[in-house]
Amino acid sequence: MAPETLVTSTAIAVGLSTLISLRCVGRKPLSAAALLAAVHCADIEFYLRMLVVELLAAWRRQRADVGEPDRTRYCCWPTDLDHSASMNHAKYLRFVNYAQRQFWMRNGVWAVCRKRSPPVRLVVAASTLRVTRPVRCFERFAVTTRLLAWDDRAFFLQQTPRCMAAHSRPASGRRGTAA
C-alpha cells in the first residue's frame, strides 16, 4: 500500500469512527460533519494532549532537580503522520514542546514563573531540528530534556527524541532556547 493511500485511509477511518462514536450519522450528519471539521480546524488534539501533560504532572508531583534530565514517553498516532506515513516534522516540535512543559513543571520553574508579578513566560526563541530516522505510526518514543546552560536572559535546553525499539538511533535532536 502506498504511503499516501495509508494516510488517506487512516484519516477516513478516524473520521468515520468519530462520526460513529458521536452516534449522529443517522440523525444529524451535517452537525456531526460540522463538529468534526471544527475539531480538526481548532486542533483540539493539541489542547487535549496539553491537558494530559498538565494532569500527569500534577498527579505525579515528583520534584526533580533542574540539572537532572527528564524523560517523557509518547506514541505516534495516525493524526501525527504526513504524506510519507511518518511523523510530520511539525509534530516533532509539538512533542518536544510537551516534554519541555513537563520538564519545567516537574522541577518547579513553571510554578515560580506563574507566581511572579507580572508572570514570566517561557518562550522558545530559537530551535534546530534534525531528523535522522522517521517515526512510524503507533511507534513509541521518548523525549529526553536536559538543561545545558542559562544566563540572565535565556535557558538553553537539549531535547532528544529516541524510539523505544531496542538499539534504535535518535529520531531527531533539538536544541532550543527558552527565554
N, C-alpha and C. Protein backbone atom coordinates (compact mmCIF):
# COMPACT_ATOMS: atom_id res chain seq x y z
N MET A 1 0.85 -1.18 0.00
CA MET A 1 0.00 0.00 0.00
C MET A 1 0.89 1.24 0.00
N ALA A 2 0.59 2.17 -0.86
CA ALA A 2 1.38 3.41 -0.96
C ALA A 2 1.18 4.25 0.29
N PRO A 3 2.21 5.02 0.70
CA PRO A 3 2.08 5.84 1.91
C PRO A 3 0.90 6.81 1.84
N GLU A 4 0.64 7.41 0.66
CA GLU A 4 -0.47 8.35 0.54
C GLU A 4 -1.79 7.64 0.79
N THR A 5 -1.93 6.41 0.27
CA THR A 5 -3.14 5.64 0.46
C THR A 5 -3.33 5.28 1.92
N LEU A 6 -2.23 4.92 2.59
CA LEU A 6 -2.30 4.58 4.00
C LEU A 6 -2.76 5.77 4.83
N VAL A 7 -2.19 6.93 4.57
CA VAL A 7 -2.56 8.12 5.33
C VAL A 7 -4.00 8.51 5.05
N THR A 8 -4.41 8.46 3.78
CA THR A 8 -5.79 8.81 3.43
C THR A 8 -6.77 7.85 4.06
N SER A 9 -6.49 6.54 3.97
CA SER A 9 -7.41 5.57 4.56
C SER A 9 -7.43 5.69 6.08
N THR A 10 -6.31 6.03 6.69
CA THR A 10 -6.28 6.23 8.14
C THR A 10 -7.11 7.45 8.52
N ALA A 11 -6.97 8.53 7.76
CA ALA A 11 -7.75 9.74 8.05
C ALA A 11 -9.24 9.48 7.88
N ILE A 12 -9.61 8.73 6.84
CA ILE A 12 -11.02 8.41 6.64
C ILE A 12 -11.53 7.53 7.77
N ALA A 13 -10.73 6.54 8.19
CA ALA A 13 -11.14 5.66 9.28
C ALA A 13 -11.31 6.43 10.59
N VAL A 14 -10.40 7.36 10.86
CA VAL A 14 -10.52 8.17 12.07
C VAL A 14 -11.76 9.04 12.01
N GLY A 15 -12.02 9.64 10.85
CA GLY A 15 -13.21 10.47 10.69
C GLY A 15 -14.49 9.69 10.84
N LEU A 16 -14.55 8.52 10.20
CA LEU A 16 -15.76 7.70 10.31
C LEU A 16 -15.97 7.18 11.72
N SER A 17 -14.90 6.77 12.37
CA SER A 17 -15.06 6.29 13.75
C SER A 17 -15.51 7.41 14.67
N THR A 18 -15.06 8.63 14.40
CA THR A 18 -15.52 9.77 15.20
C THR A 18 -17.00 10.00 14.97
N LEU A 19 -17.43 9.95 13.71
CA LEU A 19 -18.85 10.14 13.41
C LEU A 19 -19.71 9.04 14.05
N ILE A 20 -19.24 7.81 13.96
CA ILE A 20 -20.00 6.71 14.56
C ILE A 20 -20.03 6.84 16.07
N SER A 21 -18.93 7.21 16.67
CA SER A 21 -18.91 7.35 18.13
C SER A 21 -19.80 8.49 18.59
N LEU A 22 -20.01 9.49 17.76
CA LEU A 22 -20.92 10.58 18.11
C LEU A 22 -22.38 10.16 17.97
N ARG A 23 -22.63 9.04 17.31
CA ARG A 23 -23.98 8.50 17.09
C ARG A 23 -24.89 9.49 16.38
N CYS A 24 -24.29 10.25 15.51
CA CYS A 24 -25.06 11.26 14.78
C CYS A 24 -25.17 10.93 13.30
N VAL A 25 -24.66 9.81 12.87
CA VAL A 25 -24.63 9.51 11.44
C VAL A 25 -26.05 9.39 10.88
N GLY A 26 -26.92 8.70 11.57
CA GLY A 26 -28.28 8.50 11.08
C GLY A 26 -29.16 9.71 11.29
N ARG A 27 -28.96 10.46 12.36
CA ARG A 27 -29.87 11.55 12.71
C ARG A 27 -29.43 12.90 12.17
N LYS A 28 -28.22 13.30 12.44
CA LYS A 28 -27.77 14.65 12.09
C LYS A 28 -26.38 14.61 11.46
N PRO A 29 -26.28 14.13 10.23
CA PRO A 29 -24.95 14.02 9.63
C PRO A 29 -24.28 15.37 9.40
N LEU A 30 -25.05 16.41 9.11
CA LEU A 30 -24.44 17.71 8.88
C LEU A 30 -23.84 18.30 10.15
N SER A 31 -24.54 18.16 11.27
CA SER A 31 -23.99 18.68 12.52
C SER A 31 -22.77 17.88 12.95
N ALA A 32 -22.79 16.56 12.71
CA ALA A 32 -21.64 15.73 13.05
C ALA A 32 -20.44 16.10 12.18
N ALA A 33 -20.69 16.33 10.89
CA ALA A 33 -19.60 16.72 10.00
C ALA A 33 -19.06 18.10 10.38
N ALA A 34 -19.95 19.00 10.76
CA ALA A 34 -19.52 20.34 11.19
C ALA A 34 -18.68 20.25 12.46
N LEU A 35 -19.10 19.39 13.40
CA LEU A 35 -18.35 19.20 14.63
C LEU A 35 -16.97 18.61 14.33
N LEU A 36 -16.93 17.63 13.45
CA LEU A 36 -15.65 17.01 13.08
C LEU A 36 -14.73 18.04 12.41
N ALA A 37 -15.27 18.87 11.54
CA ALA A 37 -14.47 19.91 10.89
C ALA A 37 -13.97 20.93 11.91
N ALA A 38 -14.82 21.29 12.87
CA ALA A 38 -14.42 22.25 13.91
C ALA A 38 -13.31 21.67 14.78
N VAL A 39 -13.42 20.39 15.13
CA VAL A 39 -12.38 19.74 15.94
C VAL A 39 -11.07 19.73 15.18
N HIS A 40 -11.12 19.45 13.87
CA HIS A 40 -9.91 19.42 13.06
C HIS A 40 -9.30 20.81 12.91
N CYS A 41 -10.13 21.80 12.63
CA CYS A 41 -9.63 23.16 12.40
C CYS A 41 -9.11 23.81 13.68
N ALA A 42 -9.76 23.53 14.80
CA ALA A 42 -9.34 24.13 16.07
C ALA A 42 -8.20 23.35 16.72
N ASP A 43 -7.83 22.21 16.14
CA ASP A 43 -6.74 21.38 16.63
C ASP A 43 -6.95 20.99 18.10
N ILE A 44 -8.10 20.42 18.36
CA ILE A 44 -8.47 20.03 19.72
C ILE A 44 -7.49 19.00 20.28
N GLU A 45 -6.93 18.16 19.42
CA GLU A 45 -5.98 17.15 19.88
C GLU A 45 -4.80 17.78 20.64
N PHE A 46 -4.31 18.92 20.15
CA PHE A 46 -3.21 19.62 20.81
C PHE A 46 -3.60 20.00 22.23
N TYR A 47 -4.78 20.58 22.40
CA TYR A 47 -5.21 21.01 23.72
C TYR A 47 -5.49 19.83 24.65
N LEU A 48 -6.01 18.74 24.10
CA LEU A 48 -6.22 17.55 24.92
C LEU A 48 -4.90 16.95 25.39
N ARG A 49 -3.90 16.91 24.51
CA ARG A 49 -2.60 16.38 24.92
C ARG A 49 -1.94 17.29 25.96
N MET A 50 -2.08 18.61 25.81
CA MET A 50 -1.52 19.53 26.81
C MET A 50 -2.22 19.34 28.15
N LEU A 51 -3.53 19.11 28.12
CA LEU A 51 -4.27 18.85 29.35
C LEU A 51 -3.77 17.57 30.02
N VAL A 52 -3.52 16.54 29.23
CA VAL A 52 -2.99 15.29 29.78
C VAL A 52 -1.62 15.52 30.40
N VAL A 53 -0.75 16.30 29.75
CA VAL A 53 0.58 16.61 30.31
C VAL A 53 0.44 17.31 31.65
N GLU A 54 -0.46 18.29 31.71
CA GLU A 54 -0.66 19.03 32.97
C GLU A 54 -1.22 18.14 34.06
N LEU A 55 -2.20 17.30 33.73
CA LEU A 55 -2.80 16.42 34.73
C LEU A 55 -1.79 15.38 35.23
N LEU A 56 -1.00 14.83 34.32
CA LEU A 56 0.01 13.86 34.75
C LEU A 56 1.07 14.50 35.64
N ALA A 57 1.48 15.71 35.29
CA ALA A 57 2.47 16.41 36.12
C ALA A 57 1.90 16.72 37.50
N ALA A 58 0.64 17.11 37.56
CA ALA A 58 0.02 17.40 38.86
C ALA A 58 -0.20 16.12 39.66
N TRP A 59 -0.53 15.03 38.98
CA TRP A 59 -0.81 13.78 39.67
C TRP A 59 0.48 13.15 40.20
N ARG A 60 1.54 13.20 39.42
CA ARG A 60 2.81 12.60 39.85
C ARG A 60 3.46 13.38 40.97
N ARG A 61 3.46 14.69 40.86
CA ARG A 61 4.04 15.58 41.87
C ARG A 61 5.47 15.19 42.26
N GLN A 62 6.20 14.60 41.34
CA GLN A 62 7.59 14.26 41.61
C GLN A 62 8.44 15.48 41.31
N ARG A 63 9.13 15.94 42.31
CA ARG A 63 10.03 17.07 42.10
C ARG A 63 11.37 16.54 41.62
N ALA A 64 11.90 17.22 40.64
CA ALA A 64 13.19 16.83 40.10
C ALA A 64 14.12 18.03 40.17
N ASP A 65 15.40 17.74 40.22
CA ASP A 65 16.40 18.80 40.20
C ASP A 65 16.48 19.37 38.78
N VAL A 66 16.73 20.66 38.68
CA VAL A 66 16.80 21.32 37.37
C VAL A 66 17.92 20.72 36.52
N GLY A 67 18.98 20.26 37.14
CA GLY A 67 20.10 19.70 36.40
C GLY A 67 19.90 18.28 35.94
N GLU A 68 18.86 17.60 36.44
CA GLU A 68 18.60 16.22 36.03
C GLU A 68 17.84 16.17 34.72
N PRO A 69 18.19 15.24 33.83
CA PRO A 69 17.41 15.09 32.60
C PRO A 69 16.02 14.52 32.91
N ASP A 70 15.05 14.90 32.13
CA ASP A 70 13.67 14.44 32.30
C ASP A 70 13.27 13.67 31.05
N ARG A 71 12.63 12.51 31.23
CA ARG A 71 12.26 11.66 30.10
C ARG A 71 10.75 11.46 30.09
N THR A 72 10.13 11.76 28.96
CA THR A 72 8.70 11.55 28.80
C THR A 72 8.47 10.64 27.60
N ARG A 73 7.43 9.80 27.69
CA ARG A 73 7.15 8.81 26.65
C ARG A 73 5.89 9.19 25.88
N TYR A 74 5.93 8.91 24.58
CA TYR A 74 4.80 9.22 23.70
C TYR A 74 4.63 8.10 22.68
N CYS A 75 3.55 8.19 21.93
CA CYS A 75 3.27 7.25 20.84
C CYS A 75 2.81 8.06 19.63
N CYS A 76 3.25 7.67 18.46
CA CYS A 76 2.87 8.35 17.22
C CYS A 76 1.51 7.81 16.77
N TRP A 77 0.51 8.67 16.71
CA TRP A 77 -0.84 8.30 16.30
C TRP A 77 -1.04 8.63 14.83
N PRO A 78 -2.09 8.09 14.21
CA PRO A 78 -2.35 8.39 12.79
C PRO A 78 -2.51 9.88 12.51
N THR A 79 -2.96 10.65 13.47
CA THR A 79 -3.11 12.09 13.26
C THR A 79 -1.77 12.82 13.23
N ASP A 80 -0.69 12.15 13.61
CA ASP A 80 0.64 12.75 13.62
C ASP A 80 1.41 12.50 12.32
N LEU A 81 0.82 11.76 11.39
CA LEU A 81 1.52 11.35 10.18
C LEU A 81 1.42 12.39 9.07
N ASP A 82 2.41 12.36 8.18
CA ASP A 82 2.34 13.19 6.97
C ASP A 82 2.12 12.28 5.77
N HIS A 83 2.29 12.80 4.57
CA HIS A 83 2.02 12.03 3.35
C HIS A 83 2.97 10.84 3.15
N SER A 84 4.09 10.81 3.83
CA SER A 84 5.02 9.69 3.70
C SER A 84 4.84 8.65 4.79
N ALA A 85 3.74 8.71 5.52
CA ALA A 85 3.39 7.75 6.57
C ALA A 85 4.41 7.73 7.71
N SER A 86 5.07 8.85 7.93
CA SER A 86 5.94 9.00 9.10
C SER A 86 5.54 10.29 9.81
N MET A 87 6.06 10.48 11.02
CA MET A 87 5.64 11.64 11.79
C MET A 87 6.02 12.94 11.09
N ASN A 88 5.07 13.85 11.06
CA ASN A 88 5.26 15.17 10.47
C ASN A 88 6.30 15.93 11.29
N HIS A 89 7.14 16.73 10.62
CA HIS A 89 8.20 17.47 11.32
C HIS A 89 7.63 18.47 12.32
N ALA A 90 6.50 19.06 12.02
CA ALA A 90 5.87 19.98 12.97
C ALA A 90 5.44 19.25 14.23
N LYS A 91 5.08 17.98 14.09
CA LYS A 91 4.67 17.19 15.27
C LYS A 91 5.86 16.89 16.17
N TYR A 92 7.06 16.72 15.58
CA TYR A 92 8.26 16.57 16.41
C TYR A 92 8.37 17.76 17.36
N LEU A 93 8.22 18.95 16.80
CA LEU A 93 8.34 20.16 17.63
C LEU A 93 7.24 20.22 18.68
N ARG A 94 6.06 19.73 18.34
CA ARG A 94 4.99 19.70 19.34
C ARG A 94 5.33 18.77 20.49
N PHE A 95 5.83 17.58 20.17
CA PHE A 95 6.15 16.63 21.23
C PHE A 95 7.29 17.14 22.11
N VAL A 96 8.28 17.79 21.53
CA VAL A 96 9.33 18.34 22.38
C VAL A 96 8.80 19.53 23.18
N ASN A 97 7.77 20.21 22.67
CA ASN A 97 7.11 21.26 23.44
C ASN A 97 6.40 20.66 24.65
N TYR A 98 5.69 19.53 24.45
CA TYR A 98 5.06 18.86 25.59
C TYR A 98 6.10 18.45 26.62
N ALA A 99 7.22 17.89 26.14
CA ALA A 99 8.28 17.44 27.05
C ALA A 99 8.91 18.62 27.78
N GLN A 100 9.09 19.73 27.08
CA GLN A 100 9.67 20.92 27.71
C GLN A 100 8.74 21.44 28.81
N ARG A 101 7.46 21.46 28.52
CA ARG A 101 6.50 21.94 29.52
C ARG A 101 6.51 21.04 30.76
N GLN A 102 6.55 19.73 30.54
CA GLN A 102 6.59 18.81 31.68
C GLN A 102 7.90 18.96 32.45
N PHE A 103 9.00 19.20 31.75
CA PHE A 103 10.29 19.41 32.41
C PHE A 103 10.21 20.61 33.36
N TRP A 104 9.67 21.73 32.87
CA TRP A 104 9.57 22.93 33.71
C TRP A 104 8.58 22.72 34.86
N MET A 105 7.51 21.96 34.63
CA MET A 105 6.54 21.72 35.69
C MET A 105 7.13 20.82 36.77
N ARG A 106 7.90 19.82 36.36
CA ARG A 106 8.46 18.87 37.31
C ARG A 106 9.50 19.47 38.23
N ASN A 107 10.33 20.37 37.71
CA ASN A 107 11.38 20.92 38.56
C ASN A 107 10.99 22.21 39.25
N GLY A 108 9.73 22.64 39.08
CA GLY A 108 9.23 23.78 39.85
C GLY A 108 9.41 25.14 39.21
N VAL A 109 10.11 25.22 38.09
CA VAL A 109 10.34 26.50 37.43
C VAL A 109 9.02 27.07 36.92
N TRP A 110 8.13 26.21 36.44
CA TRP A 110 6.84 26.64 35.91
C TRP A 110 6.03 27.37 36.98
N ALA A 111 5.97 26.80 38.19
CA ALA A 111 5.20 27.42 39.28
C ALA A 111 5.80 28.76 39.68
N VAL A 112 7.12 28.85 39.74
CA VAL A 112 7.78 30.10 40.11
C VAL A 112 7.48 31.18 39.06
N CYS A 113 7.53 30.81 37.79
CA CYS A 113 7.26 31.78 36.72
C CYS A 113 5.82 32.26 36.75
N ARG A 114 4.88 31.40 37.09
CA ARG A 114 3.47 31.79 37.13
C ARG A 114 3.15 32.66 38.34
N LYS A 115 3.86 32.48 39.44
CA LYS A 115 3.57 33.23 40.67
C LYS A 115 4.14 34.64 40.64
N ARG A 116 5.12 34.89 39.79
CA ARG A 116 5.73 36.23 39.74
C ARG A 116 4.74 37.24 39.19
N SER A 117 4.94 38.48 39.57
CA SER A 117 4.08 39.54 39.08
C SER A 117 4.94 40.57 38.35
N PRO A 118 4.80 40.78 37.10
CA PRO A 118 3.94 40.07 36.15
C PRO A 118 4.49 38.67 35.87
N PRO A 119 3.62 37.74 35.44
CA PRO A 119 4.07 36.37 35.20
C PRO A 119 5.16 36.30 34.13
N VAL A 120 6.13 35.46 34.35
CA VAL A 120 7.21 35.25 33.38
C VAL A 120 6.75 34.19 32.39
N ARG A 121 6.96 34.43 31.13
CA ARG A 121 6.57 33.47 30.09
C ARG A 121 7.83 32.80 29.54
N LEU A 122 7.78 31.48 29.47
CA LEU A 122 8.88 30.70 28.90
C LEU A 122 8.61 30.52 27.41
N VAL A 123 9.27 31.29 26.60
CA VAL A 123 9.04 31.30 25.16
C VAL A 123 10.25 30.70 24.46
N VAL A 124 10.00 29.86 23.46
CA VAL A 124 11.10 29.31 22.66
C VAL A 124 11.53 30.38 21.67
N ALA A 125 12.76 30.84 21.81
CA ALA A 125 13.28 31.91 20.95
C ALA A 125 13.95 31.35 19.70
N ALA A 126 14.51 30.15 19.79
CA ALA A 126 15.17 29.54 18.63
C ALA A 126 15.21 28.04 18.83
N SER A 127 15.15 27.30 17.74
CA SER A 127 15.27 25.85 17.83
C SER A 127 15.84 25.31 16.53
N THR A 128 16.50 24.17 16.63
CA THR A 128 17.05 23.48 15.48
C THR A 128 16.57 22.05 15.54
N LEU A 129 16.02 21.55 14.46
CA LEU A 129 15.51 20.19 14.40
C LEU A 129 16.29 19.42 13.35
N ARG A 130 16.78 18.24 13.74
CA ARG A 130 17.50 17.38 12.80
C ARG A 130 16.88 15.99 12.91
N VAL A 131 16.22 15.54 11.87
CA VAL A 131 15.57 14.23 11.87
C VAL A 131 16.53 13.23 11.24
N THR A 132 16.87 12.19 11.99
CA THR A 132 17.80 11.18 11.48
C THR A 132 17.12 9.86 11.17
N ARG A 133 15.90 9.70 11.66
CA ARG A 133 15.17 8.46 11.46
C ARG A 133 13.68 8.75 11.58
N PRO A 134 12.85 8.28 10.65
CA PRO A 134 11.42 8.57 10.74
C PRO A 134 10.75 7.76 11.85
N VAL A 135 9.74 8.34 12.46
CA VAL A 135 8.91 7.65 13.44
C VAL A 135 7.64 7.24 12.71
N ARG A 136 7.31 5.97 12.75
CA ARG A 136 6.16 5.42 12.03
C ARG A 136 4.93 5.39 12.93
N CYS A 137 3.81 5.07 12.33
CA CYS A 137 2.53 5.03 13.04
C CYS A 137 2.58 3.99 14.18
N PHE A 138 2.07 4.36 15.33
CA PHE A 138 1.99 3.56 16.55
C PHE A 138 3.36 3.19 17.13
N GLU A 139 4.41 3.82 16.67
CA GLU A 139 5.74 3.60 17.22
C GLU A 139 5.90 4.45 18.48
N ARG A 140 6.42 3.83 19.53
CA ARG A 140 6.61 4.55 20.79
C ARG A 140 8.00 5.19 20.80
N PHE A 141 8.06 6.38 21.40
CA PHE A 141 9.33 7.09 21.50
C PHE A 141 9.33 7.90 22.79
N ALA A 142 10.52 8.27 23.21
CA ALA A 142 10.69 9.07 24.43
C ALA A 142 11.48 10.32 24.10
N VAL A 143 11.15 11.41 24.79
CA VAL A 143 11.87 12.67 24.62
C VAL A 143 12.62 12.96 25.91
N THR A 144 13.94 13.08 25.83
CA THR A 144 14.77 13.41 26.98
C THR A 144 15.10 14.90 26.92
N THR A 145 14.76 15.62 27.99
CA THR A 145 15.00 17.06 28.07
C THR A 145 16.08 17.31 29.10
N ARG A 146 17.07 18.10 28.72
CA ARG A 146 18.20 18.38 29.61
C ARG A 146 18.53 19.87 29.53
N LEU A 147 18.74 20.47 30.69
CA LEU A 147 19.15 21.87 30.75
C LEU A 147 20.66 21.92 30.57
N LEU A 148 21.11 22.57 29.51
CA LEU A 148 22.54 22.66 29.23
C LEU A 148 23.19 23.83 29.95
N ALA A 149 22.55 25.00 29.88
CA ALA A 149 23.12 26.21 30.48
C ALA A 149 22.03 27.27 30.59
N TRP A 150 22.36 28.37 31.26
CA TRP A 150 21.46 29.51 31.32
C TRP A 150 22.27 30.76 31.56
N ASP A 151 21.67 31.89 31.24
CA ASP A 151 22.28 33.17 31.54
C ASP A 151 21.17 34.09 32.05
N ASP A 152 21.41 35.39 32.06
CA ASP A 152 20.42 36.30 32.63
C ASP A 152 19.17 36.46 31.76
N ARG A 153 19.20 35.98 30.51
CA ARG A 153 18.06 36.15 29.61
C ARG A 153 17.46 34.85 29.10
N ALA A 154 18.19 33.74 29.17
CA ALA A 154 17.71 32.54 28.48
C ALA A 154 18.16 31.26 29.17
N PHE A 155 17.37 30.21 28.94
CA PHE A 155 17.73 28.85 29.29
C PHE A 155 18.07 28.14 27.98
N PHE A 156 19.06 27.26 28.01
CA PHE A 156 19.45 26.51 26.82
C PHE A 156 19.18 25.04 27.10
N LEU A 157 18.25 24.46 26.33
CA LEU A 157 17.83 23.08 26.53
C LEU A 157 18.29 22.22 25.37
N GLN A 158 18.50 20.94 25.66
CA GLN A 158 18.70 19.95 24.62
C GLN A 158 17.61 18.92 24.79
N GLN A 159 16.88 18.65 23.71
CA GLN A 159 15.80 17.68 23.76
C GLN A 159 16.04 16.65 22.67
N THR A 160 16.07 15.38 23.06
CA THR A 160 16.40 14.31 22.13
C THR A 160 15.29 13.26 22.11
N PRO A 161 14.51 13.18 21.03
CA PRO A 161 13.54 12.08 20.91
C PRO A 161 14.26 10.81 20.49
N ARG A 162 13.95 9.70 21.14
CA ARG A 162 14.52 8.40 20.79
C ARG A 162 13.39 7.38 20.70
N CYS A 163 13.47 6.54 19.66
CA CYS A 163 12.48 5.48 19.53
C CYS A 163 12.71 4.44 20.61
N MET A 164 11.62 3.83 21.08
CA MET A 164 11.70 2.90 22.20
C MET A 164 12.18 1.52 21.77
N ALA A 165 12.23 1.24 20.46
CA ALA A 165 12.69 -0.06 19.99
C ALA A 165 14.15 -0.26 20.39
N ALA A 166 14.51 -1.51 20.59
CA ALA A 166 15.88 -1.82 21.01
C ALA A 166 16.88 -1.42 19.93
N HIS A 167 17.99 -0.87 20.37
CA HIS A 167 19.11 -0.49 19.50
C HIS A 167 18.71 0.52 18.44
N SER A 168 17.84 1.44 18.77
CA SER A 168 17.43 2.43 17.77
C SER A 168 18.24 3.71 17.94
N ARG A 169 18.37 4.42 16.85
CA ARG A 169 19.06 5.70 16.86
C ARG A 169 18.09 6.79 17.25
N PRO A 170 18.58 7.98 17.55
CA PRO A 170 17.67 9.08 17.86
C PRO A 170 16.76 9.39 16.67
N ALA A 171 15.51 9.73 16.98
CA ALA A 171 14.59 10.12 15.93
C ALA A 171 14.93 11.52 15.43
N SER A 172 15.33 12.38 16.33
CA SER A 172 15.75 13.72 15.95
C SER A 172 16.47 14.33 17.13
N GLY A 173 17.08 15.45 16.92
CA GLY A 173 17.71 16.19 18.00
C GLY A 173 17.27 17.64 17.93
N ARG A 174 17.05 18.25 19.07
CA ARG A 174 16.61 19.65 19.07
C ARG A 174 17.37 20.39 20.14
N ARG A 175 17.90 21.51 19.76
CA ARG A 175 18.50 22.41 20.72
C ARG A 175 17.66 23.67 20.68
N GLY A 176 17.08 24.03 21.79
CA GLY A 176 16.19 25.17 21.80
C GLY A 176 16.58 26.17 22.87
N THR A 177 16.07 27.36 22.74
CA THR A 177 16.29 28.41 23.71
C THR A 177 14.95 28.86 24.21
N ALA A 178 14.78 28.87 25.49
CA ALA A 178 13.56 29.41 26.08
C ALA A 178 13.95 30.62 26.90
N ALA A 179 13.31 31.71 26.68
CA ALA A 179 13.63 32.92 27.41
C ALA A 179 12.38 33.51 28.00
